[in-house]
């Protein structure tokens, strides 16, 4: 019995020693090399043609809203001038004064609604472009094995501007040095623009008096 206990104890000790040796000699997993890329998102927004196209569309919508508001303002101005010629307290004076109040409320409401719509739609555009750029950056990084991509400002340091705030901003840049190949902004912008079809040119407004080919004028 004593011999059996000694044999078991020896076997356990040997097993522990072997386990320790194996753990020490096991090869560690290969470390993934760090590869960092840089993207100037300000340039991406500026040079991605879809961003400017969407903003141009929004501008047209806002111009239409402004024309509607301007029509109300013009009518209000006309009524305001007419009121000056009427006897205060007369039926026509009261009617026009009521109409002027109504138009003023409509104008203010249209302005507020248009402003809120502009802010909301502009935010949606920024979000859409950011998401598209982020997805392209992800694809690019996975393909070329970048482990980290940082946002940075690629504008060169300008210490001659004379603007203290601008100099301070330049000196506070996160990236102090980078190799040219670390900046992947050009590749991201190029890929985005290849995905986005160029908008068709809008037909120029036809001048008054122009006739369609093949028609006759009397």
N, C-alpha and C. Protein backbone atom coordinates (compact mmCIF):
# COMPACT_ATOMS: atom_id res chain seq x y z
N UNK A 1 0.83 -1.21 0.00
CA UNK A 1 0.00 0.00 0.00
C UNK A 1 0.86 1.25 0.00
N UNK A 2 1.92 1.20 0.83
CA UNK A 2 2.82 2.37 0.91
C UNK A 2 3.51 2.59 -0.43
N UNK A 3 3.88 1.48 -1.09
CA UNK A 3 4.53 1.60 -2.39
C UNK A 3 3.60 2.20 -3.43
N UNK A 4 2.30 1.84 -3.34
CA UNK A 4 1.30 2.37 -4.29
C UNK A 4 1.14 3.87 -4.14
N UNK A 5 1.12 4.32 -2.87
CA UNK A 5 0.98 5.77 -2.60
C UNK A 5 2.18 6.52 -3.13
N UNK A 6 3.37 5.97 -2.91
CA UNK A 6 4.60 6.61 -3.40
C UNK A 6 4.61 6.68 -4.93
N UNK A 7 4.10 5.62 -5.56
CA UNK A 7 4.08 5.59 -7.03
C UNK A 7 3.12 6.64 -7.58
N UNK A 8 1.94 6.77 -6.93
CA UNK A 8 0.97 7.78 -7.37
C UNK A 8 1.52 9.18 -7.17
N UNK A 9 2.19 9.41 -6.06
CA UNK A 9 2.77 10.73 -5.77
C UNK A 9 3.82 11.08 -6.81
N UNK A 10 4.63 10.15 -7.17
CA UNK A 10 5.68 10.37 -8.17
C UNK A 10 5.07 10.68 -9.53
N UNK A 11 3.98 9.96 -9.85
CA UNK A 11 3.32 10.18 -11.15
C UNK A 11 2.72 11.57 -11.23
N UNK A 12 2.11 12.01 -10.13
CA UNK A 12 1.52 13.36 -10.10
C UNK A 12 2.59 14.42 -10.23
N UNK A 13 3.70 14.24 -9.54
CA UNK A 13 4.80 15.21 -9.61
C UNK A 13 5.35 15.30 -11.02
N UNK A 14 5.53 14.09 -11.64
CA UNK A 14 6.05 14.06 -13.00
C UNK A 14 5.09 14.75 -13.97
N UNK A 15 3.77 14.53 -13.78
CA UNK A 15 2.75 15.14 -14.63
C UNK A 15 2.80 16.66 -14.52
N UNK A 16 2.99 17.16 -13.26
CA UNK A 16 3.06 18.61 -13.05
C UNK A 16 4.27 19.21 -13.70
N UNK A 17 5.41 18.48 -13.60
CA UNK A 17 6.64 18.98 -14.19
C UNK A 17 6.52 19.05 -15.72
N UNK A 18 5.95 17.99 -16.30
CA UNK A 18 5.78 17.96 -17.76
C UNK A 18 4.86 19.09 -18.23
N UNK A 19 3.77 19.32 -17.46
CA UNK A 19 2.84 20.39 -17.83
C UNK A 19 3.51 21.75 -17.82
N UNK A 20 4.36 21.97 -16.80
CA UNK A 20 5.07 23.25 -16.70
C UNK A 20 6.03 23.44 -17.86
N UNK A 21 6.76 22.37 -18.18
CA UNK A 21 7.72 22.43 -19.30
C UNK A 21 7.00 22.72 -20.61
N UNK A 22 5.87 22.06 -20.84
CA UNK A 22 5.11 22.26 -22.08
C UNK A 22 4.58 23.69 -22.19
N UNK A 23 4.11 24.23 -21.05
CA UNK A 23 3.60 25.60 -21.06
C UNK A 23 4.69 26.59 -21.36
N UNK A 24 5.91 26.30 -20.85
CA UNK A 24 7.03 27.22 -21.06
C UNK A 24 7.56 27.15 -22.48
N UNK A 25 7.46 25.98 -23.09
CA UNK A 25 8.02 25.81 -24.43
C UNK A 25 7.01 26.07 -25.52
N UNK A 26 5.69 26.26 -25.18
CA UNK A 26 4.67 26.53 -26.21
C UNK A 26 4.94 27.87 -26.87
N UNK A 27 4.84 27.91 -28.18
CA UNK A 27 5.10 29.14 -28.92
C UNK A 27 3.94 30.12 -28.78
N UNK A 28 4.21 31.39 -28.48
CA UNK A 28 3.12 32.37 -28.39
C UNK A 28 2.52 32.63 -29.77
N UNK A 29 1.23 33.05 -29.77
CA UNK A 29 0.56 33.37 -31.04
C UNK A 29 1.27 34.54 -31.71
N UNK A 30 1.35 34.45 -33.01
CA UNK A 30 2.03 35.51 -33.76
C UNK A 30 1.31 36.85 -33.57
N UNK A 31 2.05 37.88 -33.20
CA UNK A 31 1.46 39.20 -32.98
C UNK A 31 1.13 39.85 -34.32
N UNK A 32 -0.04 40.48 -34.37
CA UNK A 32 -0.45 41.18 -35.59
C UNK A 32 0.30 42.52 -35.65
N UNK A 33 1.04 42.77 -36.73
CA UNK A 33 1.78 44.03 -36.82
C UNK A 33 0.83 45.22 -36.90
N UNK A 34 1.15 46.26 -36.17
CA UNK A 34 0.32 47.46 -36.17
C UNK A 34 0.59 48.27 -37.43
N UNK A 35 -0.49 48.63 -38.11
CA UNK A 35 -0.38 49.45 -39.32
C UNK A 35 -1.42 50.56 -39.23
N UNK A 36 -0.95 51.78 -39.13
CA UNK A 36 -1.84 52.91 -38.89
C UNK A 36 -2.01 53.75 -40.16
N UNK A 37 -3.26 54.07 -40.45
CA UNK A 37 -3.57 54.96 -41.57
C UNK A 37 -4.18 56.25 -41.07
N UNK A 38 -4.11 57.29 -41.90
CA UNK A 38 -4.64 58.60 -41.54
C UNK A 38 -5.60 59.07 -42.62
N UNK A 39 -6.71 59.68 -42.18
CA UNK A 39 -7.70 60.22 -43.13
C UNK A 39 -8.07 61.63 -42.73
N UNK A 40 -7.99 62.53 -43.68
CA UNK A 40 -8.43 63.91 -43.46
C UNK A 40 -9.91 63.98 -43.82
N UNK A 41 -10.79 63.88 -42.83
CA UNK A 41 -12.23 63.84 -43.09
C UNK A 41 -12.74 65.16 -43.65
N UNK A 42 -12.09 66.27 -43.31
CA UNK A 42 -12.50 67.56 -43.88
C UNK A 42 -12.32 67.53 -45.39
N UNK A 43 -11.22 66.94 -45.85
CA UNK A 43 -11.00 66.81 -47.29
C UNK A 43 -11.99 65.85 -47.93
N UNK A 44 -12.32 64.78 -47.22
CA UNK A 44 -13.29 63.81 -47.75
C UNK A 44 -14.62 64.51 -48.02
N UNK A 45 -15.10 65.29 -47.05
CA UNK A 45 -16.36 66.00 -47.23
C UNK A 45 -16.25 67.02 -48.36
N UNK A 46 -15.13 67.70 -48.44
CA UNK A 46 -14.97 68.76 -49.42
C UNK A 46 -14.86 68.21 -50.84
N UNK A 47 -14.19 67.07 -51.00
CA UNK A 47 -13.88 66.56 -52.34
C UNK A 47 -14.80 65.45 -52.81
N UNK A 48 -15.65 64.94 -51.93
CA UNK A 48 -16.62 63.92 -52.34
C UNK A 48 -17.76 64.64 -53.07
N UNK A 49 -17.90 64.37 -54.35
CA UNK A 49 -18.84 65.12 -55.19
C UNK A 49 -20.29 64.94 -54.74
N UNK A 50 -20.61 63.82 -54.17
CA UNK A 50 -21.98 63.58 -53.72
C UNK A 50 -22.37 64.56 -52.61
N UNK A 51 -21.42 64.88 -51.75
CA UNK A 51 -21.69 65.82 -50.66
C UNK A 51 -22.12 67.17 -51.21
N UNK A 52 -21.37 67.69 -52.19
CA UNK A 52 -21.72 68.98 -52.77
C UNK A 52 -23.03 68.90 -53.54
N UNK A 53 -23.27 67.76 -54.21
CA UNK A 53 -24.51 67.59 -54.96
C UNK A 53 -25.73 67.62 -54.04
N UNK A 54 -25.64 66.92 -52.92
CA UNK A 54 -26.74 66.90 -51.95
C UNK A 54 -26.98 68.29 -51.36
N UNK A 55 -25.91 69.01 -51.11
CA UNK A 55 -26.05 70.36 -50.56
C UNK A 55 -26.65 71.32 -51.60
N UNK A 56 -26.31 71.12 -52.86
CA UNK A 56 -26.90 71.94 -53.92
C UNK A 56 -28.41 71.68 -54.02
N UNK A 57 -28.79 70.40 -53.90
CA UNK A 57 -30.22 70.07 -53.92
C UNK A 57 -30.94 70.72 -52.74
N UNK A 58 -30.30 70.69 -51.58
CA UNK A 58 -30.90 71.31 -50.40
C UNK A 58 -31.02 72.82 -50.59
N UNK A 59 -30.03 73.41 -51.22
CA UNK A 59 -30.05 74.85 -51.48
C UNK A 59 -31.24 75.22 -52.37
N UNK A 60 -31.51 74.39 -53.36
CA UNK A 60 -32.65 74.65 -54.25
C UNK A 60 -33.96 74.58 -53.48
N UNK A 61 -34.07 73.60 -52.61
CA UNK A 61 -35.29 73.47 -51.80
C UNK A 61 -35.47 74.71 -50.93
N UNK A 62 -34.38 75.17 -50.32
CA UNK A 62 -34.46 76.33 -49.45
C UNK A 62 -34.77 77.61 -50.24
N UNK A 63 -34.27 77.68 -51.46
CA UNK A 63 -34.59 78.85 -52.29
C UNK A 63 -36.07 78.89 -52.62
N UNK A 64 -36.66 77.71 -52.84
CA UNK A 64 -38.11 77.65 -53.07
C UNK A 64 -38.87 78.11 -51.83
N UNK A 65 -38.43 77.66 -50.66
CA UNK A 65 -39.07 78.09 -49.41
C UNK A 65 -38.94 79.61 -49.23
N UNK A 66 -37.79 80.15 -49.58
CA UNK A 66 -37.58 81.59 -49.44
C UNK A 66 -38.46 82.39 -50.41
N UNK A 67 -38.66 81.85 -51.60
CA UNK A 67 -39.54 82.53 -52.56
C UNK A 67 -40.97 82.56 -52.03
N UNK A 68 -41.39 81.47 -51.41
CA UNK A 68 -42.74 81.43 -50.83
C UNK A 68 -42.87 82.46 -49.71
N UNK A 69 -41.83 82.54 -48.88
CA UNK A 69 -41.85 83.51 -47.79
C UNK A 69 -41.78 84.94 -48.33
N UNK A 70 -41.01 85.13 -49.39
CA UNK A 70 -40.88 86.47 -49.98
C UNK A 70 -42.20 86.93 -50.57
N UNK A 71 -42.96 86.00 -51.16
CA UNK A 71 -44.27 86.36 -51.71
C UNK A 71 -45.19 86.86 -50.61
N UNK A 72 -45.14 86.21 -49.45
CA UNK A 72 -45.94 86.64 -48.31
C UNK A 72 -45.48 88.02 -47.83
N UNK A 73 -44.15 88.21 -47.77
CA UNK A 73 -43.61 89.50 -47.32
C UNK A 73 -44.00 90.63 -48.26
N UNK A 74 -44.02 90.34 -49.57
CA UNK A 74 -44.39 91.36 -50.55
C UNK A 74 -45.85 91.77 -50.39
N UNK A 75 -46.71 90.78 -50.20
CA UNK A 75 -48.13 91.09 -49.99
C UNK A 75 -48.33 91.88 -48.70
N UNK A 76 -47.60 91.49 -47.66
CA UNK A 76 -47.71 92.19 -46.38
C UNK A 76 -47.27 93.65 -46.51
N UNK A 77 -46.22 93.88 -47.28
CA UNK A 77 -45.73 95.24 -47.48
C UNK A 77 -46.76 96.09 -48.23
N UNK A 78 -47.38 95.48 -49.24
CA UNK A 78 -48.40 96.19 -50.01
C UNK A 78 -49.57 96.59 -49.12
N UNK A 79 -50.05 95.66 -48.32
CA UNK A 79 -51.17 95.94 -47.41
C UNK A 79 -50.78 96.99 -46.38
N UNK A 80 -49.53 96.92 -45.91
CA UNK A 80 -49.07 97.90 -44.93
C UNK A 80 -49.11 99.31 -45.50
N UNK A 81 -48.76 99.44 -46.78
CA UNK A 81 -48.81 100.75 -47.43
C UNK A 81 -50.26 101.20 -47.65
N UNK A 82 -51.14 100.27 -47.96
CA UNK A 82 -52.56 100.59 -48.18
C UNK A 82 -53.23 101.06 -46.89
N UNK A 83 -52.86 100.43 -45.78
CA UNK A 83 -53.46 100.78 -44.49
C UNK A 83 -53.21 102.24 -44.16
N UNK A 84 -52.05 102.74 -44.54
CA UNK A 84 -51.70 104.14 -44.23
C UNK A 84 -52.68 105.13 -44.86
N UNK A 85 -53.34 104.71 -45.95
CA UNK A 85 -54.26 105.60 -46.66
C UNK A 85 -55.71 105.45 -46.20
N UNK A 86 -55.96 104.53 -45.30
CA UNK A 86 -57.33 104.27 -44.84
C UNK A 86 -57.60 104.95 -43.51
N UNK A 87 -58.86 105.20 -43.27
CA UNK A 87 -59.27 105.80 -42.01
C UNK A 87 -59.23 104.74 -40.93
N UNK A 88 -58.50 105.04 -39.86
CA UNK A 88 -58.36 104.08 -38.78
C UNK A 88 -59.73 103.77 -38.16
N UNK A 89 -60.01 102.50 -38.00
CA UNK A 89 -61.27 102.07 -37.42
C UNK A 89 -62.32 101.73 -38.44
N UNK A 90 -62.08 102.09 -39.73
CA UNK A 90 -63.07 101.76 -40.76
C UNK A 90 -63.06 100.26 -41.01
N UNK A 91 -64.14 99.78 -41.64
CA UNK A 91 -64.27 98.34 -41.91
C UNK A 91 -63.13 97.84 -42.78
N UNK A 92 -62.76 98.63 -43.80
CA UNK A 92 -61.69 98.21 -44.69
C UNK A 92 -60.35 98.21 -43.94
N UNK A 93 -60.15 99.19 -43.07
CA UNK A 93 -58.91 99.27 -42.28
C UNK A 93 -58.77 98.03 -41.38
N UNK A 94 -59.89 97.69 -40.72
CA UNK A 94 -59.86 96.53 -39.81
C UNK A 94 -59.59 95.24 -40.58
N UNK A 95 -60.22 95.13 -41.76
CA UNK A 95 -60.04 93.92 -42.56
C UNK A 95 -58.59 93.78 -43.02
N UNK A 96 -58.02 94.89 -43.50
CA UNK A 96 -56.64 94.83 -43.98
C UNK A 96 -55.66 94.64 -42.82
N UNK A 97 -55.95 95.23 -41.67
CA UNK A 97 -55.09 95.06 -40.50
C UNK A 97 -55.09 93.59 -40.06
N UNK A 98 -56.26 92.97 -40.13
CA UNK A 98 -56.37 91.56 -39.78
C UNK A 98 -55.57 90.69 -40.76
N UNK A 99 -55.68 91.06 -42.05
CA UNK A 99 -54.94 90.33 -43.08
C UNK A 99 -53.43 90.49 -42.89
N UNK A 100 -53.01 91.70 -42.51
CA UNK A 100 -51.59 91.96 -42.27
C UNK A 100 -51.07 91.12 -41.11
N UNK A 101 -51.86 91.00 -40.05
CA UNK A 101 -51.47 90.18 -38.90
C UNK A 101 -51.35 88.72 -39.32
N UNK A 102 -52.30 88.29 -40.14
CA UNK A 102 -52.29 86.90 -40.62
C UNK A 102 -51.04 86.62 -41.46
N UNK A 103 -50.71 87.56 -42.35
CA UNK A 103 -49.54 87.39 -43.22
C UNK A 103 -48.24 87.40 -42.40
N UNK A 104 -48.19 88.27 -41.39
CA UNK A 104 -47.00 88.34 -40.54
C UNK A 104 -46.77 87.01 -39.83
N UNK A 105 -47.86 86.42 -39.33
CA UNK A 105 -47.75 85.12 -38.66
C UNK A 105 -47.30 84.04 -39.64
N UNK A 106 -47.87 84.06 -40.85
CA UNK A 106 -47.49 83.08 -41.87
C UNK A 106 -46.01 83.20 -42.22
N UNK A 107 -45.55 84.45 -42.37
CA UNK A 107 -44.15 84.68 -42.73
C UNK A 107 -43.21 84.16 -41.65
N UNK A 108 -43.52 84.47 -40.40
CA UNK A 108 -42.66 84.01 -39.29
C UNK A 108 -42.66 82.49 -39.17
N UNK A 109 -43.85 81.90 -39.38
CA UNK A 109 -43.94 80.44 -39.31
C UNK A 109 -43.13 79.78 -40.41
N UNK A 110 -43.25 80.32 -41.65
CA UNK A 110 -42.50 79.75 -42.77
C UNK A 110 -41.00 79.86 -42.54
N UNK A 111 -40.57 80.99 -41.98
CA UNK A 111 -39.15 81.17 -41.70
C UNK A 111 -38.66 80.12 -40.70
N UNK A 112 -39.42 79.94 -39.61
CA UNK A 112 -39.01 78.97 -38.58
C UNK A 112 -39.00 77.55 -39.13
N UNK A 113 -40.04 77.20 -39.89
CA UNK A 113 -40.13 75.85 -40.45
C UNK A 113 -38.98 75.61 -41.44
N UNK A 114 -38.70 76.62 -42.29
CA UNK A 114 -37.63 76.48 -43.28
C UNK A 114 -36.28 76.34 -42.60
N UNK A 115 -36.06 77.12 -41.56
CA UNK A 115 -34.79 77.04 -40.84
C UNK A 115 -34.62 75.68 -40.17
N UNK A 116 -35.68 75.18 -39.54
CA UNK A 116 -35.62 73.87 -38.89
C UNK A 116 -35.41 72.76 -39.93
N UNK A 117 -36.06 72.89 -41.07
CA UNK A 117 -35.92 71.90 -42.14
C UNK A 117 -34.49 71.89 -42.67
N UNK A 118 -33.91 73.09 -42.84
CA UNK A 118 -32.54 73.18 -43.35
C UNK A 118 -31.56 72.51 -42.39
N UNK A 119 -31.69 72.82 -41.11
CA UNK A 119 -30.78 72.25 -40.10
C UNK A 119 -30.90 70.73 -40.08
N UNK A 120 -32.15 70.23 -40.13
CA UNK A 120 -32.37 68.79 -40.07
C UNK A 120 -31.80 68.09 -41.31
N UNK A 121 -32.12 68.62 -42.50
CA UNK A 121 -31.65 67.99 -43.73
C UNK A 121 -30.14 68.08 -43.88
N UNK A 122 -29.55 69.20 -43.45
CA UNK A 122 -28.09 69.32 -43.54
C UNK A 122 -27.43 68.30 -42.62
N UNK A 123 -28.00 68.11 -41.42
CA UNK A 123 -27.45 67.11 -40.50
C UNK A 123 -27.55 65.71 -41.10
N UNK A 124 -28.66 65.43 -41.79
CA UNK A 124 -28.84 64.14 -42.43
C UNK A 124 -27.80 63.92 -43.53
N UNK A 125 -27.48 65.00 -44.27
CA UNK A 125 -26.47 64.90 -45.32
C UNK A 125 -25.11 64.58 -44.72
N UNK A 126 -24.74 65.31 -43.67
CA UNK A 126 -23.45 65.07 -43.02
C UNK A 126 -23.38 63.63 -42.50
N UNK A 127 -24.46 63.17 -41.90
CA UNK A 127 -24.47 61.80 -41.37
C UNK A 127 -24.32 60.78 -42.49
N UNK A 128 -25.06 60.99 -43.59
CA UNK A 128 -25.01 60.05 -44.71
C UNK A 128 -23.60 59.97 -45.30
N UNK A 129 -22.97 61.12 -45.51
CA UNK A 129 -21.63 61.13 -46.10
C UNK A 129 -20.62 60.50 -45.13
N UNK A 130 -20.78 60.79 -43.85
CA UNK A 130 -19.86 60.22 -42.86
C UNK A 130 -19.95 58.70 -42.84
N UNK A 131 -21.18 58.18 -42.86
CA UNK A 131 -21.37 56.72 -42.83
C UNK A 131 -20.77 56.08 -44.08
N UNK A 132 -21.00 56.70 -45.24
CA UNK A 132 -20.45 56.16 -46.49
C UNK A 132 -18.92 56.17 -46.45
N UNK A 133 -18.34 57.26 -45.97
CA UNK A 133 -16.89 57.35 -45.88
C UNK A 133 -16.35 56.32 -44.89
N UNK A 134 -17.03 56.15 -43.77
CA UNK A 134 -16.60 55.19 -42.75
C UNK A 134 -16.61 53.77 -43.31
N UNK A 135 -17.65 53.43 -44.09
CA UNK A 135 -17.75 52.09 -44.65
C UNK A 135 -16.62 51.83 -45.66
N UNK A 136 -16.30 52.85 -46.46
CA UNK A 136 -15.22 52.71 -47.44
C UNK A 136 -13.87 52.58 -46.72
N UNK A 137 -13.69 53.36 -45.68
CA UNK A 137 -12.45 53.27 -44.90
C UNK A 137 -12.30 51.88 -44.31
N UNK A 138 -13.39 51.31 -43.85
CA UNK A 138 -13.36 49.94 -43.28
C UNK A 138 -12.94 48.94 -44.36
N UNK A 139 -13.55 49.02 -45.54
CA UNK A 139 -13.20 48.10 -46.63
C UNK A 139 -11.74 48.25 -47.02
N UNK A 140 -11.31 49.48 -47.16
CA UNK A 140 -9.93 49.76 -47.56
C UNK A 140 -8.95 49.23 -46.50
N UNK A 141 -9.27 49.47 -45.24
CA UNK A 141 -8.39 49.05 -44.14
C UNK A 141 -8.29 47.53 -44.06
N UNK A 142 -9.42 46.85 -44.24
CA UNK A 142 -9.40 45.39 -44.18
C UNK A 142 -8.61 44.81 -45.35
N UNK A 143 -8.74 45.44 -46.52
CA UNK A 143 -8.03 44.94 -47.70
C UNK A 143 -6.53 45.13 -47.58
N UNK A 144 -6.11 46.30 -47.10
CA UNK A 144 -4.68 46.60 -47.01
C UNK A 144 -4.12 46.39 -45.60
N UNK A 145 -4.93 45.75 -44.75
CA UNK A 145 -4.49 45.30 -43.42
C UNK A 145 -4.05 46.45 -42.51
N UNK A 146 -4.82 47.53 -42.51
CA UNK A 146 -4.61 48.58 -41.51
C UNK A 146 -5.30 48.16 -40.22
N UNK A 147 -4.60 48.26 -39.12
CA UNK A 147 -5.19 47.90 -37.84
C UNK A 147 -5.85 49.08 -37.14
N UNK A 148 -5.50 50.30 -37.56
CA UNK A 148 -6.05 51.50 -36.94
C UNK A 148 -6.01 52.65 -37.94
N UNK A 149 -7.11 53.39 -38.03
CA UNK A 149 -7.16 54.57 -38.89
C UNK A 149 -7.58 55.76 -38.04
N UNK A 150 -6.77 56.80 -38.07
CA UNK A 150 -7.02 57.99 -37.28
C UNK A 150 -7.45 59.15 -38.17
N UNK A 151 -8.29 59.99 -37.61
CA UNK A 151 -8.69 61.21 -38.31
C UNK A 151 -7.64 62.28 -38.02
N UNK A 152 -7.21 63.02 -39.07
CA UNK A 152 -6.21 64.05 -38.84
C UNK A 152 -6.41 65.21 -39.81
N UNK A 153 -5.69 66.29 -39.57
CA UNK A 153 -5.75 67.48 -40.42
C UNK A 153 -4.48 67.52 -41.25
N UNK A 154 -4.63 67.41 -42.57
CA UNK A 154 -3.46 67.34 -43.44
C UNK A 154 -2.92 68.70 -43.86
N UNK A 155 -3.59 69.77 -43.43
CA UNK A 155 -3.11 71.10 -43.80
C UNK A 155 -1.74 71.34 -43.18
N UNK A 156 -0.81 71.89 -43.97
CA UNK A 156 0.53 72.14 -43.42
C UNK A 156 0.51 73.22 -42.36
N UNK A 157 1.45 73.14 -41.45
CA UNK A 157 1.56 74.12 -40.38
C UNK A 157 1.93 75.49 -40.94
N UNK A 158 1.12 76.49 -40.62
CA UNK A 158 1.36 77.85 -41.09
C UNK A 158 1.57 78.77 -39.89
N UNK A 159 2.83 79.03 -39.61
CA UNK A 159 3.16 79.89 -38.47
C UNK A 159 3.26 81.35 -38.87
N UNK A 160 3.03 81.64 -40.16
CA UNK A 160 3.13 83.01 -40.64
C UNK A 160 1.76 83.68 -40.80
N UNK A 161 0.71 83.01 -40.39
CA UNK A 161 -0.63 83.55 -40.60
C UNK A 161 -0.89 84.79 -39.75
N UNK A 162 -0.24 84.87 -38.58
CA UNK A 162 -0.46 86.01 -37.70
C UNK A 162 -1.71 85.88 -36.85
N UNK A 163 -2.48 84.82 -37.06
CA UNK A 163 -3.69 84.59 -36.28
C UNK A 163 -3.35 83.67 -35.10
N UNK A 164 -3.37 84.20 -33.86
CA UNK A 164 -2.98 83.39 -32.71
C UNK A 164 -3.80 82.12 -32.55
N UNK A 165 -5.13 82.22 -32.81
CA UNK A 165 -5.99 81.05 -32.66
C UNK A 165 -5.64 79.98 -33.69
N UNK A 166 -5.36 80.41 -34.92
CA UNK A 166 -5.01 79.46 -35.97
C UNK A 166 -3.67 78.79 -35.67
N UNK A 167 -2.72 79.58 -35.17
CA UNK A 167 -1.43 79.01 -34.80
C UNK A 167 -1.59 78.00 -33.67
N UNK A 168 -2.42 78.36 -32.66
CA UNK A 168 -2.66 77.45 -31.54
C UNK A 168 -3.30 76.15 -32.02
N UNK A 169 -4.25 76.25 -32.94
CA UNK A 169 -4.90 75.05 -33.47
C UNK A 169 -3.90 74.17 -34.21
N UNK A 170 -3.00 74.80 -34.97
CA UNK A 170 -1.99 74.04 -35.70
C UNK A 170 -1.04 73.32 -34.74
N UNK A 171 -0.65 74.02 -33.69
CA UNK A 171 0.28 73.43 -32.73
C UNK A 171 -0.35 72.31 -31.91
N UNK A 172 -1.70 72.28 -31.86
CA UNK A 172 -2.41 71.26 -31.09
C UNK A 172 -2.83 70.06 -31.94
N UNK A 173 -2.32 69.98 -33.16
CA UNK A 173 -2.66 68.84 -34.01
C UNK A 173 -2.22 67.54 -33.35
N UNK A 174 -3.08 66.53 -33.45
CA UNK A 174 -2.78 65.24 -32.83
C UNK A 174 -1.59 64.56 -33.49
N UNK A 175 -1.56 64.60 -34.82
CA UNK A 175 -0.48 63.93 -35.56
C UNK A 175 0.65 64.93 -35.81
N UNK A 176 1.81 64.65 -35.22
CA UNK A 176 2.96 65.54 -35.37
C UNK A 176 3.79 65.15 -36.60
N UNK A 177 3.86 63.85 -36.87
CA UNK A 177 4.63 63.36 -38.02
C UNK A 177 3.94 62.15 -38.61
N UNK A 178 4.01 62.03 -39.93
CA UNK A 178 3.51 60.83 -40.60
C UNK A 178 4.22 60.69 -41.94
N UNK A 179 4.29 59.48 -42.41
CA UNK A 179 4.83 59.23 -43.74
C UNK A 179 3.74 59.49 -44.77
N UNK A 180 4.15 59.83 -45.97
CA UNK A 180 3.17 60.15 -47.02
C UNK A 180 2.23 58.97 -47.27
N UNK A 181 2.77 57.74 -47.22
CA UNK A 181 1.94 56.57 -47.50
C UNK A 181 0.94 56.25 -46.39
N UNK A 182 1.11 56.91 -45.22
CA UNK A 182 0.15 56.71 -44.14
C UNK A 182 -1.16 57.45 -44.39
N UNK A 183 -1.11 58.48 -45.23
CA UNK A 183 -2.31 59.27 -45.54
C UNK A 183 -3.08 58.59 -46.66
N UNK A 184 -4.24 58.02 -46.32
CA UNK A 184 -5.02 57.27 -47.32
C UNK A 184 -6.22 58.10 -47.81
N UNK A 185 -6.19 59.41 -47.56
CA UNK A 185 -7.33 60.26 -47.93
C UNK A 185 -7.62 60.22 -49.42
N UNK A 186 -6.57 60.33 -50.26
CA UNK A 186 -6.78 60.34 -51.71
C UNK A 186 -7.49 59.08 -52.17
N UNK A 187 -7.06 57.94 -51.65
CA UNK A 187 -7.66 56.66 -52.05
C UNK A 187 -9.13 56.60 -51.65
N UNK A 188 -9.45 57.11 -50.46
CA UNK A 188 -10.84 57.07 -49.99
C UNK A 188 -11.71 57.98 -50.84
N UNK A 189 -11.24 59.19 -51.13
CA UNK A 189 -12.01 60.13 -51.95
C UNK A 189 -12.22 59.57 -53.35
N UNK A 190 -11.16 58.99 -53.92
CA UNK A 190 -11.27 58.43 -55.27
C UNK A 190 -12.29 57.30 -55.31
N UNK A 191 -12.26 56.44 -54.32
CA UNK A 191 -13.19 55.31 -54.28
C UNK A 191 -14.63 55.81 -54.14
N UNK A 192 -14.85 56.79 -53.26
CA UNK A 192 -16.19 57.34 -53.07
C UNK A 192 -16.72 57.96 -54.36
N UNK A 193 -15.89 58.72 -55.04
CA UNK A 193 -16.33 59.38 -56.27
C UNK A 193 -16.57 58.39 -57.40
N UNK A 194 -15.86 57.27 -57.38
CA UNK A 194 -16.13 56.24 -58.39
C UNK A 194 -17.50 55.60 -58.15
N UNK A 195 -17.89 55.49 -56.89
CA UNK A 195 -19.19 54.90 -56.55
C UNK A 195 -20.33 55.82 -56.90
N UNK A 196 -20.10 57.13 -56.81
CA UNK A 196 -21.18 58.10 -56.99
C UNK A 196 -21.22 58.55 -58.44
N UNK A 197 -22.34 58.28 -59.16
CA UNK A 197 -22.42 58.73 -60.56
C UNK A 197 -22.51 60.24 -60.64
N UNK A 198 -21.81 60.81 -61.60
CA UNK A 198 -21.83 62.26 -61.76
C UNK A 198 -23.25 62.71 -62.10
N UNK A 199 -23.75 63.76 -61.43
CA UNK A 199 -25.11 64.23 -61.70
C UNK A 199 -25.24 64.77 -63.12
N UNK A 200 -26.37 64.49 -63.74
CA UNK A 200 -26.61 64.99 -65.10
C UNK A 200 -26.73 66.50 -65.08
N UNK A 201 -26.12 67.16 -66.07
CA UNK A 201 -26.23 68.63 -66.10
C UNK A 201 -27.68 69.06 -66.28
N UNK A 202 -28.08 70.08 -65.55
CA UNK A 202 -29.45 70.56 -65.63
C UNK A 202 -29.64 71.40 -66.88
N UNK A 203 -30.76 71.21 -67.59
CA UNK A 203 -30.96 71.98 -68.82
C UNK A 203 -31.03 73.47 -68.52
N UNK A 204 -30.38 74.24 -69.38
CA UNK A 204 -30.39 75.68 -69.20
C UNK A 204 -31.79 76.20 -69.51
N UNK A 205 -32.27 77.21 -68.77
CA UNK A 205 -33.60 77.76 -69.04
C UNK A 205 -33.65 78.37 -70.42
N UNK A 206 -34.74 78.07 -71.14
CA UNK A 206 -34.88 78.56 -72.51
C UNK A 206 -35.30 80.02 -72.50
N UNK A 207 -34.61 80.82 -73.27
CA UNK A 207 -34.91 82.25 -73.30
C UNK A 207 -36.28 82.48 -73.93
N UNK A 208 -36.95 83.52 -73.46
CA UNK A 208 -38.28 83.86 -74.00
C UNK A 208 -38.17 84.18 -75.47
N UNK A 209 -39.09 83.67 -76.25
CA UNK A 209 -39.11 83.97 -77.67
C UNK A 209 -38.43 82.91 -78.50
N UNK A 210 -37.68 82.00 -77.86
CA UNK A 210 -37.05 80.91 -78.61
C UNK A 210 -38.11 79.94 -79.09
N UNK A 211 -37.93 79.40 -80.26
CA UNK A 211 -38.90 78.46 -80.83
C UNK A 211 -38.26 77.09 -80.91
N UNK A 212 -39.09 76.09 -80.87
CA UNK A 212 -38.62 74.73 -80.99
C UNK A 212 -38.31 74.44 -82.45
N UNK A 213 -37.18 73.79 -82.78
CA UNK A 213 -36.87 73.46 -84.17
C UNK A 213 -38.00 72.71 -84.83
N UNK A 214 -38.30 73.13 -86.06
CA UNK A 214 -39.36 72.46 -86.80
C UNK A 214 -40.70 73.15 -86.67
N UNK A 215 -40.79 74.21 -85.84
CA UNK A 215 -42.04 74.92 -85.72
C UNK A 215 -41.93 76.25 -86.43
N UNK A 216 -43.06 76.83 -86.79
CA UNK A 216 -43.07 78.10 -87.48
C UNK A 216 -43.76 79.12 -86.62
N UNK A 217 -43.30 80.32 -86.71
CA UNK A 217 -43.98 81.42 -86.01
C UNK A 217 -44.69 82.28 -87.02
N UNK A 218 -45.83 82.79 -86.65
CA UNK A 218 -46.60 83.65 -87.55
C UNK A 218 -46.08 85.07 -87.47
